[in-house]
Amino acid sequence: MRISFGKFLILIVMSIFGLWSSGMVLFLFYTLHNPLPFCQVGSQSSGIAINCYKVLNSSYDSIFGVPLDVLGAVYFIINLALIYIVSFGKNKYYRRAFIALFGWRFFGLFLVPYLVFLEIFVLKAICVYCTIMHVSIIVDFIIITYFLFYKKSLKSFISKT
């Protein structure tokens, strides 16, 4: 393993947490058509409703007919694949995978402010599961950025070949 077990575990846990959240929405809401736990219609938090139904049924919940939660699941699956390559892949692939991992996380981070803006200011409703995915993306980005730019971690990630 190219990275410490602790770093590996942190990266995996954040991706699994985001994947779990998107999976809950896909399975319970879209497949079974059941309400999501902890996301009751009409409960209030700071004047903004905690209402997954409103967020997930809005016109903003899909791109070209594909629900954002499907894209979220794909995002976290790609994260897991890149983490695996960085940790266990062949030497010739891991540097590219690490750079791709950083870029992929930057892409995710780029979308989060827009989605949060839509929830808070346009829909005036927050989906708990969407928020879990947003937090996972942000924390994941902070962690990988820390690993990349902290000089001890930079040496352990980049110089090992």
N, C-alpha and C. Protein backbone atom coordinates (compact mmCIF):
# COMPACT_ATOMS: atom_id res chain seq x y z
N MET A 1 0.86 -1.18 0.00
CA MET A 1 0.00 0.00 0.00
C MET A 1 0.90 1.23 0.00
N ARG A 2 0.62 2.16 -0.90
CA ARG A 2 1.45 3.36 -1.04
C ARG A 2 1.17 4.42 0.02
N ILE A 3 0.00 4.40 0.58
CA ILE A 3 -0.34 5.41 1.58
C ILE A 3 -0.59 4.69 2.90
N SER A 4 -0.54 5.44 3.97
CA SER A 4 -0.77 4.83 5.27
C SER A 4 -2.21 4.32 5.36
N PHE A 5 -2.40 3.34 6.21
CA PHE A 5 -3.73 2.78 6.40
C PHE A 5 -4.71 3.85 6.86
N GLY A 6 -4.27 4.75 7.73
CA GLY A 6 -5.14 5.82 8.23
C GLY A 6 -5.63 6.73 7.11
N LYS A 7 -4.72 7.14 6.23
CA LYS A 7 -5.10 8.01 5.10
C LYS A 7 -6.04 7.26 4.16
N PHE A 8 -5.71 6.02 3.90
CA PHE A 8 -6.54 5.18 3.04
C PHE A 8 -7.95 5.07 3.63
N LEU A 9 -8.03 4.81 4.92
CA LEU A 9 -9.31 4.65 5.58
C LEU A 9 -10.15 5.92 5.52
N ILE A 10 -9.52 7.07 5.76
CA ILE A 10 -10.24 8.35 5.71
C ILE A 10 -10.81 8.58 4.31
N LEU A 11 -10.00 8.36 3.29
CA LEU A 11 -10.45 8.57 1.92
C LEU A 11 -11.59 7.61 1.55
N ILE A 12 -11.47 6.36 1.96
CA ILE A 12 -12.50 5.37 1.66
C ILE A 12 -13.80 5.70 2.40
N VAL A 13 -13.68 6.04 3.66
CA VAL A 13 -14.88 6.32 4.48
C VAL A 13 -15.67 7.50 3.89
N MET A 14 -14.99 8.55 3.47
CA MET A 14 -15.72 9.70 2.91
C MET A 14 -16.47 9.31 1.64
N SER A 15 -15.85 8.53 0.79
CA SER A 15 -16.51 8.10 -0.44
C SER A 15 -17.67 7.14 -0.14
N ILE A 16 -17.47 6.25 0.80
CA ILE A 16 -18.54 5.31 1.16
C ILE A 16 -19.71 6.05 1.80
N PHE A 17 -19.40 7.05 2.61
CA PHE A 17 -20.46 7.85 3.24
C PHE A 17 -21.30 8.56 2.17
N GLY A 18 -20.65 9.17 1.19
CA GLY A 18 -21.37 9.82 0.09
C GLY A 18 -22.14 8.83 -0.76
N LEU A 19 -21.54 7.67 -1.02
CA LEU A 19 -22.20 6.63 -1.80
C LEU A 19 -23.41 6.08 -1.06
N TRP A 20 -23.28 5.91 0.24
CA TRP A 20 -24.42 5.45 1.05
C TRP A 20 -25.58 6.44 0.94
N SER A 21 -25.27 7.72 1.05
CA SER A 21 -26.31 8.74 1.00
C SER A 21 -27.03 8.74 -0.35
N SER A 22 -26.27 8.71 -1.43
CA SER A 22 -26.91 8.70 -2.75
C SER A 22 -27.65 7.39 -2.97
N GLY A 23 -27.11 6.29 -2.44
CA GLY A 23 -27.80 5.01 -2.55
C GLY A 23 -29.12 4.99 -1.81
N MET A 24 -29.16 5.62 -0.64
CA MET A 24 -30.42 5.71 0.12
C MET A 24 -31.49 6.42 -0.70
N VAL A 25 -31.11 7.52 -1.32
CA VAL A 25 -32.08 8.27 -2.13
C VAL A 25 -32.51 7.45 -3.33
N LEU A 26 -31.56 6.84 -4.01
CA LEU A 26 -31.90 6.06 -5.20
C LEU A 26 -32.79 4.88 -4.86
N PHE A 27 -32.47 4.19 -3.79
CA PHE A 27 -33.24 3.00 -3.44
C PHE A 27 -34.59 3.34 -2.82
N LEU A 28 -34.57 4.12 -1.75
CA LEU A 28 -35.82 4.40 -1.03
C LEU A 28 -36.74 5.34 -1.80
N PHE A 29 -36.20 6.42 -2.32
CA PHE A 29 -37.05 7.44 -2.93
C PHE A 29 -37.43 7.10 -4.37
N TYR A 30 -36.43 6.78 -5.19
CA TYR A 30 -36.71 6.56 -6.61
C TYR A 30 -37.19 5.14 -6.91
N THR A 31 -36.68 4.14 -6.21
CA THR A 31 -37.06 2.76 -6.51
C THR A 31 -38.31 2.33 -5.74
N LEU A 32 -38.30 2.50 -4.42
CA LEU A 32 -39.44 2.07 -3.61
C LEU A 32 -40.52 3.14 -3.47
N HIS A 33 -40.18 4.38 -3.84
CA HIS A 33 -41.10 5.52 -3.72
C HIS A 33 -41.56 5.72 -2.27
N ASN A 34 -40.63 5.51 -1.35
CA ASN A 34 -40.89 5.71 0.08
C ASN A 34 -40.27 7.03 0.52
N PRO A 35 -40.83 7.62 1.59
CA PRO A 35 -40.19 8.81 2.14
C PRO A 35 -38.85 8.45 2.76
N LEU A 36 -37.96 9.40 2.78
CA LEU A 36 -36.62 9.18 3.34
C LEU A 36 -36.63 9.44 4.84
N PRO A 37 -35.95 8.59 5.62
CA PRO A 37 -35.87 8.82 7.06
C PRO A 37 -35.16 10.15 7.36
N PHE A 38 -35.55 10.79 8.42
CA PHE A 38 -34.96 12.05 8.90
C PHE A 38 -35.19 13.21 7.94
N CYS A 39 -36.14 13.09 7.08
CA CYS A 39 -36.38 14.15 6.10
C CYS A 39 -37.88 14.36 5.93
N GLN A 40 -38.55 14.63 7.03
CA GLN A 40 -39.99 14.79 7.01
C GLN A 40 -40.38 16.08 6.31
N VAL A 41 -41.45 16.01 5.60
CA VAL A 41 -41.98 17.19 4.92
C VAL A 41 -42.44 18.18 5.97
N GLY A 42 -42.00 19.42 5.81
CA GLY A 42 -42.49 20.50 6.64
C GLY A 42 -41.70 20.81 7.90
N SER A 43 -40.77 19.97 8.31
CA SER A 43 -39.99 20.34 9.50
C SER A 43 -39.10 21.53 9.15
N GLN A 44 -38.89 22.39 10.11
CA GLN A 44 -38.20 23.65 9.85
C GLN A 44 -36.84 23.71 10.55
N SER A 45 -35.90 24.35 9.88
CA SER A 45 -34.59 24.63 10.46
C SER A 45 -34.16 25.98 9.95
N SER A 46 -34.16 26.99 10.79
CA SER A 46 -33.75 28.35 10.44
C SER A 46 -34.58 28.93 9.31
N GLY A 47 -35.89 28.67 9.30
CA GLY A 47 -36.76 29.23 8.28
C GLY A 47 -36.72 28.51 6.94
N ILE A 48 -35.88 27.54 6.82
CA ILE A 48 -35.79 26.76 5.59
C ILE A 48 -36.28 25.36 5.91
N ALA A 49 -37.19 24.85 5.09
CA ALA A 49 -37.77 23.54 5.36
C ALA A 49 -36.77 22.42 5.10
N ILE A 50 -36.77 21.44 5.97
CA ILE A 50 -36.05 20.20 5.69
C ILE A 50 -37.06 19.34 4.96
N ASN A 51 -36.90 19.28 3.64
CA ASN A 51 -37.92 18.66 2.81
C ASN A 51 -37.26 18.00 1.60
N CYS A 52 -36.85 16.76 1.77
CA CYS A 52 -36.20 16.04 0.67
C CYS A 52 -37.14 15.91 -0.52
N TYR A 53 -38.41 15.69 -0.25
CA TYR A 53 -39.38 15.53 -1.34
C TYR A 53 -39.39 16.75 -2.26
N LYS A 54 -39.40 17.93 -1.68
CA LYS A 54 -39.41 19.15 -2.48
C LYS A 54 -38.14 19.28 -3.31
N VAL A 55 -36.99 18.98 -2.72
CA VAL A 55 -35.71 19.08 -3.43
C VAL A 55 -35.63 18.02 -4.52
N LEU A 56 -35.98 16.79 -4.19
CA LEU A 56 -35.82 15.69 -5.14
C LEU A 56 -36.87 15.70 -6.26
N ASN A 57 -37.96 16.41 -6.06
CA ASN A 57 -38.96 16.52 -7.11
C ASN A 57 -38.89 17.84 -7.87
N SER A 58 -37.88 18.63 -7.59
CA SER A 58 -37.75 19.91 -8.28
C SER A 58 -37.18 19.70 -9.68
N SER A 59 -37.30 20.72 -10.49
CA SER A 59 -36.74 20.65 -11.84
C SER A 59 -35.21 20.70 -11.83
N TYR A 60 -34.64 20.99 -10.67
CA TYR A 60 -33.18 21.09 -10.55
C TYR A 60 -32.53 19.76 -10.16
N ASP A 61 -33.33 18.73 -9.94
CA ASP A 61 -32.79 17.47 -9.45
C ASP A 61 -32.27 16.54 -10.54
N SER A 62 -32.27 16.98 -11.77
CA SER A 62 -31.74 16.11 -12.82
C SER A 62 -31.05 16.93 -13.90
N ILE A 63 -30.16 16.25 -14.58
CA ILE A 63 -29.48 16.85 -15.73
C ILE A 63 -29.75 15.92 -16.91
N PHE A 64 -30.38 16.44 -17.92
CA PHE A 64 -30.76 15.66 -19.10
C PHE A 64 -31.54 14.41 -18.70
N GLY A 65 -32.41 14.55 -17.71
CA GLY A 65 -33.25 13.45 -17.27
C GLY A 65 -32.59 12.46 -16.32
N VAL A 66 -31.32 12.67 -15.99
CA VAL A 66 -30.61 11.77 -15.08
C VAL A 66 -30.61 12.43 -13.69
N PRO A 67 -31.19 11.75 -12.69
CA PRO A 67 -31.20 12.33 -11.36
C PRO A 67 -29.78 12.60 -10.84
N LEU A 68 -29.61 13.71 -10.15
CA LEU A 68 -28.30 14.07 -9.60
C LEU A 68 -27.78 13.01 -8.64
N ASP A 69 -28.68 12.26 -8.03
CA ASP A 69 -28.23 11.21 -7.10
C ASP A 69 -27.56 10.07 -7.85
N VAL A 70 -27.96 9.80 -9.08
CA VAL A 70 -27.26 8.81 -9.90
C VAL A 70 -25.85 9.33 -10.20
N LEU A 71 -25.77 10.61 -10.57
CA LEU A 71 -24.46 11.20 -10.83
C LEU A 71 -23.60 11.22 -9.56
N GLY A 72 -24.24 11.45 -8.41
CA GLY A 72 -23.53 11.41 -7.13
C GLY A 72 -22.96 10.02 -6.86
N ALA A 73 -23.77 8.99 -7.10
CA ALA A 73 -23.29 7.62 -6.91
C ALA A 73 -22.11 7.33 -7.82
N VAL A 74 -22.21 7.74 -9.07
CA VAL A 74 -21.11 7.54 -10.02
C VAL A 74 -19.87 8.29 -9.54
N TYR A 75 -20.06 9.51 -9.07
CA TYR A 75 -18.95 10.31 -8.56
C TYR A 75 -18.20 9.56 -7.46
N PHE A 76 -18.93 9.03 -6.49
CA PHE A 76 -18.28 8.35 -5.36
C PHE A 76 -17.69 7.00 -5.77
N ILE A 77 -18.28 6.32 -6.74
CA ILE A 77 -17.70 5.07 -7.24
C ILE A 77 -16.37 5.35 -7.93
N ILE A 78 -16.32 6.42 -8.73
CA ILE A 78 -15.06 6.80 -9.37
C ILE A 78 -14.02 7.18 -8.33
N ASN A 79 -14.44 7.88 -7.27
CA ASN A 79 -13.53 8.18 -6.15
C ASN A 79 -12.92 6.90 -5.60
N LEU A 80 -13.75 5.92 -5.34
CA LEU A 80 -13.27 4.67 -4.77
C LEU A 80 -12.28 3.98 -5.71
N ALA A 81 -12.57 3.98 -7.00
CA ALA A 81 -11.67 3.36 -7.97
C ALA A 81 -10.32 4.08 -8.00
N LEU A 82 -10.34 5.41 -8.00
CA LEU A 82 -9.10 6.18 -8.02
C LEU A 82 -8.30 5.98 -6.73
N ILE A 83 -8.98 5.91 -5.61
CA ILE A 83 -8.29 5.65 -4.34
C ILE A 83 -7.62 4.29 -4.38
N TYR A 84 -8.30 3.30 -4.93
CA TYR A 84 -7.72 1.97 -5.05
C TYR A 84 -6.46 2.00 -5.92
N ILE A 85 -6.54 2.68 -7.06
CA ILE A 85 -5.37 2.75 -7.96
C ILE A 85 -4.22 3.47 -7.29
N VAL A 86 -4.51 4.56 -6.60
CA VAL A 86 -3.46 5.30 -5.90
C VAL A 86 -2.81 4.42 -4.83
N SER A 87 -3.62 3.64 -4.15
CA SER A 87 -3.11 2.83 -3.04
C SER A 87 -2.46 1.53 -3.48
N PHE A 88 -3.03 0.87 -4.47
CA PHE A 88 -2.59 -0.48 -4.80
C PHE A 88 -2.22 -0.69 -6.26
N GLY A 89 -2.48 0.29 -7.11
CA GLY A 89 -2.27 0.12 -8.55
C GLY A 89 -0.81 0.03 -8.93
N LYS A 90 -0.58 -0.33 -10.17
CA LYS A 90 0.78 -0.41 -10.69
C LYS A 90 1.44 0.95 -10.63
N ASN A 91 2.75 0.94 -10.48
CA ASN A 91 3.51 2.18 -10.34
C ASN A 91 3.27 3.15 -11.49
N LYS A 92 3.14 2.66 -12.70
CA LYS A 92 2.99 3.56 -13.84
C LYS A 92 1.63 4.27 -13.86
N TYR A 93 0.67 3.80 -13.07
CA TYR A 93 -0.66 4.42 -13.08
C TYR A 93 -0.94 5.29 -11.87
N TYR A 94 -0.23 5.07 -10.79
CA TYR A 94 -0.67 5.73 -9.56
C TYR A 94 -0.49 7.24 -9.57
N ARG A 95 0.56 7.78 -10.18
CA ARG A 95 0.71 9.25 -10.22
C ARG A 95 -0.42 9.89 -11.01
N ARG A 96 -0.73 9.31 -12.16
CA ARG A 96 -1.85 9.84 -12.96
C ARG A 96 -3.16 9.72 -12.19
N ALA A 97 -3.32 8.60 -11.51
CA ALA A 97 -4.54 8.39 -10.73
C ALA A 97 -4.63 9.42 -9.59
N PHE A 98 -3.51 9.74 -8.98
CA PHE A 98 -3.53 10.71 -7.90
C PHE A 98 -3.90 12.09 -8.42
N ILE A 99 -3.34 12.47 -9.54
CA ILE A 99 -3.68 13.76 -10.16
C ILE A 99 -5.15 13.77 -10.57
N ALA A 100 -5.61 12.65 -11.14
CA ALA A 100 -7.02 12.54 -11.51
C ALA A 100 -7.92 12.62 -10.28
N LEU A 101 -7.48 12.00 -9.19
CA LEU A 101 -8.23 12.03 -7.94
C LEU A 101 -8.40 13.46 -7.44
N PHE A 102 -7.33 14.23 -7.49
CA PHE A 102 -7.40 15.63 -7.07
C PHE A 102 -8.31 16.42 -8.00
N GLY A 103 -8.15 16.24 -9.31
CA GLY A 103 -8.99 16.94 -10.28
C GLY A 103 -10.45 16.56 -10.16
N TRP A 104 -10.71 15.28 -9.95
CA TRP A 104 -12.08 14.80 -9.81
C TRP A 104 -12.75 15.42 -8.59
N ARG A 105 -12.01 15.52 -7.51
CA ARG A 105 -12.55 16.14 -6.30
C ARG A 105 -12.78 17.64 -6.51
N PHE A 106 -11.92 18.28 -7.26
CA PHE A 106 -12.10 19.69 -7.56
C PHE A 106 -13.39 19.89 -8.36
N PHE A 107 -13.63 19.01 -9.30
CA PHE A 107 -14.88 19.06 -10.08
C PHE A 107 -16.08 18.94 -9.16
N GLY A 108 -16.04 18.00 -8.23
CA GLY A 108 -17.14 17.85 -7.28
C GLY A 108 -17.32 19.08 -6.42
N LEU A 109 -16.22 19.63 -5.97
CA LEU A 109 -16.27 20.83 -5.14
C LEU A 109 -16.85 22.02 -5.91
N PHE A 110 -16.61 22.07 -7.18
CA PHE A 110 -17.11 23.16 -8.03
C PHE A 110 -18.64 23.17 -8.08
N LEU A 111 -19.27 21.99 -8.06
CA LEU A 111 -20.72 21.89 -8.17
C LEU A 111 -21.46 22.15 -6.86
N VAL A 112 -20.84 21.87 -5.75
CA VAL A 112 -21.52 21.94 -4.46
C VAL A 112 -22.10 23.33 -4.17
N PRO A 113 -21.36 24.43 -4.32
CA PRO A 113 -21.95 25.74 -4.00
C PRO A 113 -23.21 26.05 -4.82
N TYR A 114 -23.21 25.66 -6.08
CA TYR A 114 -24.40 25.88 -6.92
C TYR A 114 -25.59 25.08 -6.39
N LEU A 115 -25.36 23.83 -6.04
CA LEU A 115 -26.45 23.00 -5.54
C LEU A 115 -26.97 23.49 -4.19
N VAL A 116 -26.08 23.93 -3.33
CA VAL A 116 -26.49 24.47 -2.03
C VAL A 116 -27.27 25.77 -2.24
N PHE A 117 -26.82 26.62 -3.16
CA PHE A 117 -27.54 27.85 -3.49
C PHE A 117 -28.97 27.53 -3.93
N LEU A 118 -29.12 26.55 -4.81
CA LEU A 118 -30.45 26.17 -5.28
C LEU A 118 -31.34 25.72 -4.13
N GLU A 119 -30.79 24.89 -3.26
CA GLU A 119 -31.59 24.40 -2.14
C GLU A 119 -32.02 25.53 -1.21
N ILE A 120 -31.09 26.38 -0.82
CA ILE A 120 -31.39 27.39 0.19
C ILE A 120 -32.17 28.58 -0.36
N PHE A 121 -31.73 29.12 -1.49
CA PHE A 121 -32.31 30.38 -1.96
C PHE A 121 -33.40 30.22 -3.01
N VAL A 122 -33.38 29.16 -3.77
CA VAL A 122 -34.40 28.97 -4.79
C VAL A 122 -35.53 28.08 -4.28
N LEU A 123 -35.18 26.91 -3.78
CA LEU A 123 -36.20 25.96 -3.32
C LEU A 123 -36.63 26.22 -1.88
N LYS A 124 -35.77 26.88 -1.11
CA LYS A 124 -36.01 27.12 0.32
C LYS A 124 -36.31 25.82 1.05
N ALA A 125 -35.57 24.80 0.65
CA ALA A 125 -35.70 23.48 1.27
C ALA A 125 -34.35 22.77 1.20
N ILE A 126 -34.09 21.97 2.21
CA ILE A 126 -32.84 21.23 2.27
C ILE A 126 -33.14 19.75 2.31
N CYS A 127 -32.42 19.01 1.51
CA CYS A 127 -32.48 17.55 1.55
C CYS A 127 -31.32 17.08 2.41
N VAL A 128 -31.62 16.35 3.47
CA VAL A 128 -30.60 15.88 4.39
C VAL A 128 -29.57 15.02 3.65
N TYR A 129 -30.03 14.16 2.76
CA TYR A 129 -29.13 13.25 2.06
C TYR A 129 -28.26 13.97 1.04
N CYS A 130 -28.81 14.99 0.41
CA CYS A 130 -28.00 15.82 -0.49
C CYS A 130 -26.92 16.54 0.31
N THR A 131 -27.29 17.03 1.48
CA THR A 131 -26.34 17.72 2.34
C THR A 131 -25.22 16.77 2.78
N ILE A 132 -25.56 15.53 3.08
CA ILE A 132 -24.53 14.55 3.43
C ILE A 132 -23.56 14.37 2.27
N MET A 133 -24.09 14.30 1.04
CA MET A 133 -23.21 14.17 -0.13
C MET A 133 -22.35 15.42 -0.30
N HIS A 134 -22.93 16.59 -0.11
CA HIS A 134 -22.17 17.84 -0.23
C HIS A 134 -21.03 17.88 0.79
N VAL A 135 -21.35 17.55 2.03
CA VAL A 135 -20.33 17.55 3.08
C VAL A 135 -19.25 16.53 2.77
N SER A 136 -19.64 15.36 2.28
CA SER A 136 -18.65 14.32 1.92
C SER A 136 -17.70 14.83 0.85
N ILE A 137 -18.24 15.52 -0.14
CA ILE A 137 -17.40 16.05 -1.22
C ILE A 137 -16.45 17.11 -0.68
N ILE A 138 -16.95 18.01 0.15
CA ILE A 138 -16.11 19.09 0.69
C ILE A 138 -15.02 18.53 1.60
N VAL A 139 -15.39 17.67 2.53
CA VAL A 139 -14.40 17.09 3.45
C VAL A 139 -13.39 16.26 2.67
N ASP A 140 -13.86 15.50 1.70
CA ASP A 140 -12.98 14.70 0.86
C ASP A 140 -11.98 15.59 0.14
N PHE A 141 -12.45 16.70 -0.39
CA PHE A 141 -11.56 17.63 -1.09
C PHE A 141 -10.52 18.21 -0.14
N ILE A 142 -10.95 18.60 1.05
CA ILE A 142 -10.01 19.15 2.04
C ILE A 142 -8.95 18.11 2.40
N ILE A 143 -9.38 16.88 2.60
CA ILE A 143 -8.44 15.82 2.97
C ILE A 143 -7.43 15.57 1.87
N ILE A 144 -7.87 15.41 0.64
CA ILE A 144 -6.93 15.11 -0.45
C ILE A 144 -6.03 16.32 -0.72
N THR A 145 -6.54 17.53 -0.56
CA THR A 145 -5.71 18.72 -0.72
C THR A 145 -4.65 18.77 0.36
N TYR A 146 -5.04 18.45 1.58
CA TYR A 146 -4.09 18.41 2.69
C TYR A 146 -3.00 17.38 2.40
N PHE A 147 -3.40 16.20 1.95
CA PHE A 147 -2.43 15.15 1.62
C PHE A 147 -1.51 15.58 0.50
N LEU A 148 -2.04 16.29 -0.46
CA LEU A 148 -1.25 16.70 -1.62
C LEU A 148 -0.25 17.79 -1.27
N PHE A 149 -0.66 18.77 -0.48
CA PHE A 149 0.19 19.92 -0.26
C PHE A 149 0.95 19.93 1.06
N TYR A 150 0.62 19.07 1.96
CA TYR A 150 1.39 18.95 3.19
C TYR A 150 2.69 18.24 2.81
N LYS A 151 3.83 18.84 3.08
CA LYS A 151 5.08 18.35 2.48
C LYS A 151 5.43 16.91 2.83
N LYS A 152 5.12 16.44 4.02
CA LYS A 152 5.41 15.04 4.32
C LYS A 152 4.52 14.12 3.50
N SER A 153 3.27 14.49 3.38
CA SER A 153 2.35 13.68 2.60
C SER A 153 2.69 13.77 1.12
N LEU A 154 3.10 14.94 0.67
CA LEU A 154 3.46 15.10 -0.73
C LEU A 154 4.60 14.16 -1.08
N LYS A 155 5.59 14.08 -0.21
CA LYS A 155 6.70 13.17 -0.46
C LYS A 155 6.22 11.72 -0.50
N SER A 156 5.32 11.35 0.42
CA SER A 156 4.87 9.96 0.45
C SER A 156 3.96 9.62 -0.73
N PHE A 157 3.22 10.58 -1.23
CA PHE A 157 2.35 10.31 -2.36
C PHE A 157 3.09 10.35 -3.69
N ILE A 158 3.92 11.34 -3.90
CA ILE A 158 4.51 11.59 -5.21
C ILE A 158 5.84 10.87 -5.41
N SER A 159 6.68 10.82 -4.40
CA SER A 159 8.03 10.30 -4.64
C SER A 159 8.11 8.79 -4.69
N LYS A 160 7.15 8.08 -4.12
CA LYS A 160 7.18 6.62 -4.16
C LYS A 160 6.78 6.13 -5.54
N THR A 161 7.65 5.41 -6.18
CA THR A 161 7.33 4.80 -7.46
C THR A 161 7.94 3.44 -7.55
